[in-house]
Protein backbone atom coordinates (compact mmCIF):
# COMPACT_ATOMS: atom_id res chain seq x y z
CA MET A 1 -62.01 -21.92 29.15
CA VAL A 2 -58.45 -20.66 29.63
CA ASP A 3 -57.85 -20.65 25.88
CA VAL A 4 -61.02 -18.60 25.33
CA TYR A 5 -59.89 -16.09 27.96
CA ARG A 6 -56.45 -15.74 26.38
CA GLN A 7 -57.96 -15.04 22.97
CA LEU A 8 -60.50 -12.56 24.34
CA ALA A 9 -57.74 -10.78 26.29
CA GLN A 10 -56.15 -9.88 22.96
CA TYR A 11 -59.03 -7.41 22.50
CA PRO A 12 -58.95 -4.35 24.80
CA VAL A 13 -62.75 -4.28 24.44
CA PHE A 14 -64.90 -7.01 22.92
CA THR A 15 -68.54 -7.94 22.26
CA ILE A 16 -70.46 -11.19 21.97
CA ASP A 17 -69.52 -11.23 18.27
CA GLU A 18 -65.81 -11.60 19.07
CA ALA A 19 -66.63 -14.29 21.64
CA GLN A 20 -68.76 -16.14 19.10
CA GLY A 21 -65.95 -15.95 16.58
CA ILE A 22 -63.72 -17.77 19.07
CA THR A 23 -66.22 -20.39 20.31
CA GLY A 24 -68.04 -20.89 17.01
CA ASN A 25 -71.48 -20.70 18.60
CA ARG A 26 -73.41 -17.80 20.14
CA LYS A 27 -74.95 -19.85 22.96
CA THR A 28 -71.55 -21.28 23.80
CA ALA A 29 -70.08 -17.78 23.70
CA TYR A 30 -72.60 -16.53 26.29
CA PHE A 31 -71.84 -19.55 28.47
CA HIS A 32 -68.09 -18.84 28.42
CA LEU A 33 -68.65 -15.14 29.16
CA ARG A 34 -70.79 -15.99 32.21
CA GLN A 35 -68.21 -18.46 33.49
CA LEU A 36 -65.30 -16.06 32.95
CA ALA A 37 -67.23 -13.27 34.70
CA ARG A 38 -67.86 -15.53 37.72
CA LYS A 39 -64.14 -16.27 37.90
CA GLY A 40 -63.35 -12.55 37.81
CA LEU A 41 -61.51 -12.78 34.48
CA ILE A 42 -63.78 -10.48 32.48
CA GLN A 43 -66.14 -7.65 33.34
CA LYS A 44 -69.20 -6.30 31.61
CA VAL A 45 -68.88 -2.56 31.03
CA ARG A 46 -72.38 -2.05 29.64
CA ASN A 47 -74.72 -3.88 27.30
CA ASN A 48 -72.59 -6.00 24.94
CA ILE A 49 -69.30 -4.32 25.89
CA TYR A 50 -66.80 -6.39 27.85
CA SER A 51 -63.15 -6.22 28.80
CA ALA A 52 -60.76 -8.80 30.18
CA ILE A 53 -59.23 -8.38 33.63
CA ASN A 54 -55.50 -8.75 34.11
CA PRO A 55 -55.12 -11.43 36.85
CA ALA A 56 -51.80 -9.94 37.97
CA THR A 57 -53.20 -6.47 38.67
CA GLY A 58 -56.93 -7.01 38.97
CA GLN A 59 -57.42 -4.13 36.55
CA LEU A 60 -59.28 -4.01 33.25
CA VAL A 61 -57.18 -4.50 30.15
CA ALA A 62 -59.09 -1.64 28.46
CA SER A 63 -58.43 2.00 29.21
CA ARG A 64 -61.20 4.57 29.60
CA TYR A 65 -60.41 5.79 26.09
CA GLN A 66 -60.72 2.32 24.54
CA ILE A 67 -64.03 1.82 26.34
CA ALA A 68 -65.29 5.17 25.06
CA CYS A 69 -64.45 4.34 21.45
CA ALA A 70 -66.27 0.99 21.69
CA ILE A 71 -69.61 2.48 22.79
CA THR A 72 -70.77 2.82 19.16
CA ALA A 73 -69.23 1.96 15.81
CA SER A 74 -68.48 5.64 15.11
CA ALA A 75 -67.49 6.77 18.62
CA TYR A 76 -64.40 8.93 19.13
CA LEU A 77 -62.86 11.15 21.82
CA SER A 78 -63.43 14.90 21.56
CA HIS A 79 -63.01 18.20 23.42
CA HIS A 80 -61.31 17.90 26.82
CA SER A 81 -60.95 14.13 26.50
CA ALA A 82 -59.00 14.51 23.26
CA PHE A 83 -56.73 17.08 24.95
CA GLU A 84 -56.29 14.59 27.80
CA TYR A 85 -55.18 11.87 25.42
CA TYR A 86 -52.67 14.22 23.75
CA GLY A 87 -51.29 15.11 27.18
CA LEU A 88 -52.39 18.74 26.87
CA ALA A 89 -54.83 18.84 29.80
CA ASN A 90 -53.79 20.04 33.23
CA GLN A 91 -55.85 17.34 34.91
CA VAL A 92 -57.71 14.16 34.05
CA PHE A 93 -61.49 14.49 34.51
CA ASN A 94 -63.85 11.78 35.70
CA GLU A 95 -65.89 12.38 32.56
CA VAL A 96 -65.05 11.21 29.05
CA TYR A 97 -66.52 13.19 26.16
CA VAL A 98 -67.52 10.90 23.32
CA SER A 99 -68.75 12.13 19.96
CA SER A 100 -70.64 9.75 17.72
CA ASP A 101 -73.00 9.60 14.77
CA THR A 102 -75.25 7.49 16.99
CA ARG A 103 -76.60 9.00 20.18
CA PHE A 104 -76.30 7.09 23.47
CA LYS A 105 -77.33 7.77 27.05
CA ALA A 106 -74.60 8.83 29.45
CA PHE A 107 -73.52 6.06 31.79
CA ALA A 108 -71.01 5.56 34.57
CA PHE A 109 -68.50 2.75 34.91
CA ASP A 110 -65.68 2.43 37.43
CA HIS A 111 -66.21 6.03 38.69
CA VAL A 112 -66.01 7.47 35.16
CA THR A 113 -68.98 8.98 33.32
CA TYR A 114 -69.11 8.54 29.56
CA ARG A 115 -71.02 11.45 28.07
CA TYR A 116 -72.36 11.82 24.53
CA ILE A 117 -71.40 14.95 22.56
CA ALA A 118 -73.17 15.50 19.25
CA SER A 119 -70.86 15.09 16.27
CA LYS A 120 -71.01 18.30 14.20
CA MET A 121 -68.81 17.00 11.39
CA ASN A 122 -66.84 13.91 10.43
CA ASP A 123 -63.63 15.62 9.33
CA GLY A 124 -60.55 15.62 11.51
CA VAL A 125 -61.07 12.23 13.20
CA VAL A 126 -57.96 10.04 13.34
CA GLU A 127 -56.83 6.70 14.73
CA ALA A 128 -54.52 6.97 17.74
CA ARG A 129 -50.96 6.15 16.76
CA HIS A 130 -49.88 4.12 19.74
CA THR A 131 -53.09 2.67 21.22
CA THR A 132 -55.34 0.08 19.61
CA GLY A 133 -59.02 0.90 19.40
CA VAL A 134 -58.82 4.64 20.08
CA ARG A 135 -60.19 7.26 17.68
CA LEU A 136 -60.13 10.97 18.43
CA THR A 137 -60.22 14.40 16.87
CA ASP A 138 -56.87 15.67 15.57
CA LEU A 139 -55.37 18.70 17.29
CA GLU A 140 -56.78 21.22 14.82
CA ARG A 141 -60.32 19.84 15.10
CA THR A 142 -59.96 19.62 18.91
CA VAL A 143 -59.02 23.31 19.11
CA ILE A 144 -61.94 24.31 16.86
CA ASP A 145 -64.46 22.17 18.81
CA SER A 146 -63.23 23.59 22.10
CA ILE A 147 -63.64 27.18 20.91
CA GLN A 148 -67.22 26.44 19.87
CA ASP A 149 -68.00 24.50 23.08
CA VAL A 150 -65.74 26.16 25.64
CA ASN A 151 -67.72 24.66 28.55
CA LYS A 152 -66.47 21.23 27.45
CA VAL A 153 -62.79 22.15 27.65
CA GLY A 154 -62.60 22.14 31.43
CA GLY A 155 -61.24 24.90 33.63
CA LEU A 156 -61.77 27.73 31.15
CA GLU A 157 -65.49 27.98 31.78
CA GLU A 158 -64.87 29.06 35.36
CA GLU A 159 -62.81 31.99 34.15
CA LEU A 160 -65.18 32.88 31.33
CA GLN A 161 -68.20 32.90 33.65
CA GLY A 162 -66.45 35.15 36.15
CA ASP A 163 -66.31 38.94 36.15
CA ARG A 164 -62.72 39.16 34.91
CA MET A 165 -61.68 39.27 31.27
CA VAL A 166 -59.17 36.64 30.18
CA ALA A 167 -56.24 38.68 28.85
CA LYS A 168 -53.91 35.87 27.84
CA VAL A 169 -53.71 32.09 27.74
CA PHE A 170 -50.43 30.27 28.24
CA ILE A 171 -49.87 26.71 27.00
CA ASP A 172 -46.93 24.93 28.58
CA VAL A 173 -45.54 22.42 26.06
CA ARG A 174 -42.14 21.85 27.64
CA ASP A 175 -42.92 18.24 28.58
CA LEU A 176 -44.31 17.27 25.18
CA THR A 177 -42.48 15.61 22.32
CA VAL A 178 -41.13 17.79 19.53
CA GLU A 179 -43.57 16.18 17.09
CA THR A 180 -46.60 16.91 19.30
CA VAL A 181 -45.52 20.52 19.83
CA GLN A 182 -45.15 21.05 16.08
CA GLU A 183 -48.62 19.60 15.46
CA LEU A 184 -50.10 21.82 18.17
CA ARG A 185 -48.43 24.95 16.79
CA LEU A 186 -49.78 24.19 13.32
CA ALA A 187 -53.28 23.50 14.65
CA LEU A 188 -53.33 26.72 16.67
CA HIS A 189 -52.15 28.86 13.76
CA ARG A 190 -54.61 27.29 11.33
CA SER A 191 -57.61 27.72 13.59
CA LEU A 192 -56.83 30.84 15.64
CA ALA A 193 -54.23 33.04 13.90
CA ALA A 194 -56.90 35.11 12.14
CA HIS A 195 -58.47 36.02 15.48
CA VAL A 196 -55.72 36.19 18.11
CA GLY A 197 -52.01 36.74 18.48
CA ILE A 198 -49.94 33.57 18.89
CA SER A 199 -46.30 33.70 19.95
CA GLU A 200 -43.71 32.13 22.24
CA SER A 201 -42.33 34.53 24.83
CA SER A 202 -39.99 31.83 26.12
CA ALA A 203 -38.99 28.35 25.03
CA GLY A 204 -41.84 25.90 25.47
CA ILE A 205 -44.50 28.47 26.45
CA ILE A 206 -47.07 29.38 23.78
CA ASP A 207 -48.87 32.68 24.39
CA ILE A 208 -52.36 33.30 23.01
CA ALA A 209 -53.74 36.81 23.42
CA ASN A 210 -56.24 39.19 21.90
CA SER A 211 -54.66 40.52 18.71
CA GLU A 212 -55.56 44.05 19.83
CA ALA A 213 -53.83 43.60 23.18
CA SER A 214 -50.31 43.48 21.77
CA LYS A 215 -47.36 45.71 22.63
CA ALA A 216 -47.63 47.25 19.17
CA SER A 217 -51.28 48.16 19.71
CA MET A 218 -50.57 49.73 23.09
CA ALA A 219 -47.57 51.65 21.72
CA GLN A 220 -49.68 52.97 18.87
CA GLN A 221 -52.41 54.17 21.24
CA LEU A 222 -49.87 55.87 23.51
CA ALA A 223 -48.13 57.54 20.55
CA ARG A 224 -51.43 58.81 19.16
CA SER A 225 -52.48 60.20 22.55
CA GLN A 226 -49.21 62.17 22.75
CA GLY A 227 -49.22 63.22 19.10
CA ILE A 228 -46.00 61.35 18.35
CA PRO A 229 -45.65 59.86 14.83
CA ALA A 230 -44.35 56.30 14.44
CA GLU A 231 -41.20 57.66 12.76
CA GLN A 232 -40.14 59.20 16.07
CA VAL A 233 -40.60 56.04 18.13
CA LEU A 234 -37.76 53.76 19.20
CA ALA A 235 -38.81 50.23 20.20
CA LEU A 236 -36.65 47.72 22.07
CA ALA A 237 -37.80 44.11 22.06
CA ASP A 238 -36.63 40.54 22.33
CA ASN A 239 -39.23 37.90 21.41
CA ASP A 240 -41.61 36.71 18.72
CA ALA A 241 -44.57 38.61 20.19
CA ASP A 242 -42.70 41.87 19.57
CA VAL A 243 -42.31 41.49 15.80
CA THR A 244 -45.26 43.77 15.00
CA LEU A 245 -43.95 46.41 17.39
CA LEU A 246 -40.47 46.34 15.84
CA ARG A 247 -41.88 46.73 12.33
CA TRP A 248 -44.24 49.57 13.32
CA ALA A 249 -41.74 51.72 15.19
CA GLY A 250 -39.61 54.25 13.34
CA ILE A 251 -36.57 52.48 14.74
CA GLY A 252 -36.97 48.88 15.88
CA ILE A 253 -34.05 47.47 17.85
CA ALA A 254 -33.70 43.84 18.89
CA MET A 255 -31.77 42.87 21.97
CA GLY A 256 -28.70 40.70 21.51
CA ASN A 257 -30.52 37.84 23.21
CA ALA A 258 -33.67 38.30 21.09
CA SER A 259 -35.38 35.50 19.17
CA PRO A 260 -34.47 34.98 15.50
CA ALA A 261 -37.87 36.35 14.41
CA ALA A 262 -37.39 39.53 16.45
CA LYS A 263 -33.90 40.07 15.04
CA ALA A 264 -35.15 39.56 11.49
CA ALA A 265 -37.87 42.21 12.00
CA ALA A 266 -35.55 44.78 13.61
CA ASP A 267 -33.66 47.66 12.01
CA GLY A 268 -30.68 47.07 14.28
CA ILE A 269 -29.39 44.85 17.06
CA THR A 270 -27.93 45.98 20.37
CA SER A 271 -26.15 44.01 23.10
CA SER A 272 -28.00 41.50 25.27
CA ASN A 273 -29.99 42.48 28.34
CA LEU A 274 -27.13 41.16 30.48
CA ARG A 275 -24.71 43.64 28.89
CA ASP A 276 -26.74 46.85 29.18
CA GLY A 277 -28.19 46.46 25.70
CA ALA A 278 -31.06 48.89 26.36
CA ALA A 279 -28.70 51.64 27.57
CA GLU A 280 -26.45 51.04 24.59
CA ALA A 281 -29.39 51.38 22.20
CA LEU A 282 -30.60 54.63 23.80
CA GLU A 283 -27.12 56.09 23.66
CA ARG A 284 -26.55 55.10 20.06
CA TRP A 285 -29.94 55.82 18.49
CA VAL A 286 -31.36 58.56 20.77
CA LEU A 287 -28.58 60.54 22.43
CA GLU A 288 -26.21 60.51 19.48
CA ARG A 289 -29.13 61.22 17.11
CA PRO A 290 -27.63 59.99 13.81
CA THR A 291 -28.33 62.62 11.18
CA GLY A 292 -28.85 60.10 8.42
CA GLY A 293 -31.20 58.06 10.55
CA LEU A 294 -31.34 54.28 10.48
CA ARG A 295 -32.18 52.70 7.17
CA ARG A 296 -35.32 50.63 7.50
CA ARG A 297 -35.36 47.06 6.22
């Protein structure tokens, strides 16, 4: 009995088939499962899904994500649950979203509800790198799914159903690994860059905003309303989100503490904001009014 338990405990989640493979007989397998359940060493999650219990902690060996991916042969985490697994969700929900080629009825186990989400495509599903038995959508697919089914992201639907327009979304990635942040940036740009503006106003904070709600767009509207051509506009800026503004303005000046992208887009660079860089720029490029102007890049 103990040997059977030890072998079963090697599986985060197992079925009667794994038990039969250990005992050599299906009837014997059912007998051992009943005995182990009576001793509190395994627990039945739902029909033909079991997990061992760690005697030291009294907790299941399987995580909610491993249970979810064992519900059907094609099951995988999606939407908010995939963001949870990647560490990109603000909170852990008591629901797990499970996509699958095979439909199943939602069920609850250990205060967690496992809910079926129809699988719209099979691309972008990967094996988790560090956890056995977990499949989930990659970051790019997760972003796309969440845009299409925003009510399954969690949190956003409350804002979207309210009477206020969402002007900007901030994603705090400061606690994530460099590799995860790079994957997220790539996924966001691939799936959203054609529709919204994506930038980083400060280290570790990704900004997502309406592409028409940029500083450049507002500056253009203001200039048009006052009859001022772009050639007569001086723009001062310091981060990636300001690149379009710097390129549009007749004279685009980056602060000394600006991001590399902002400096590359600028016509000139002034001192940092801690050394009166804005005043220096106004004095040099407005008050002194260079007759030859500033050569654009």
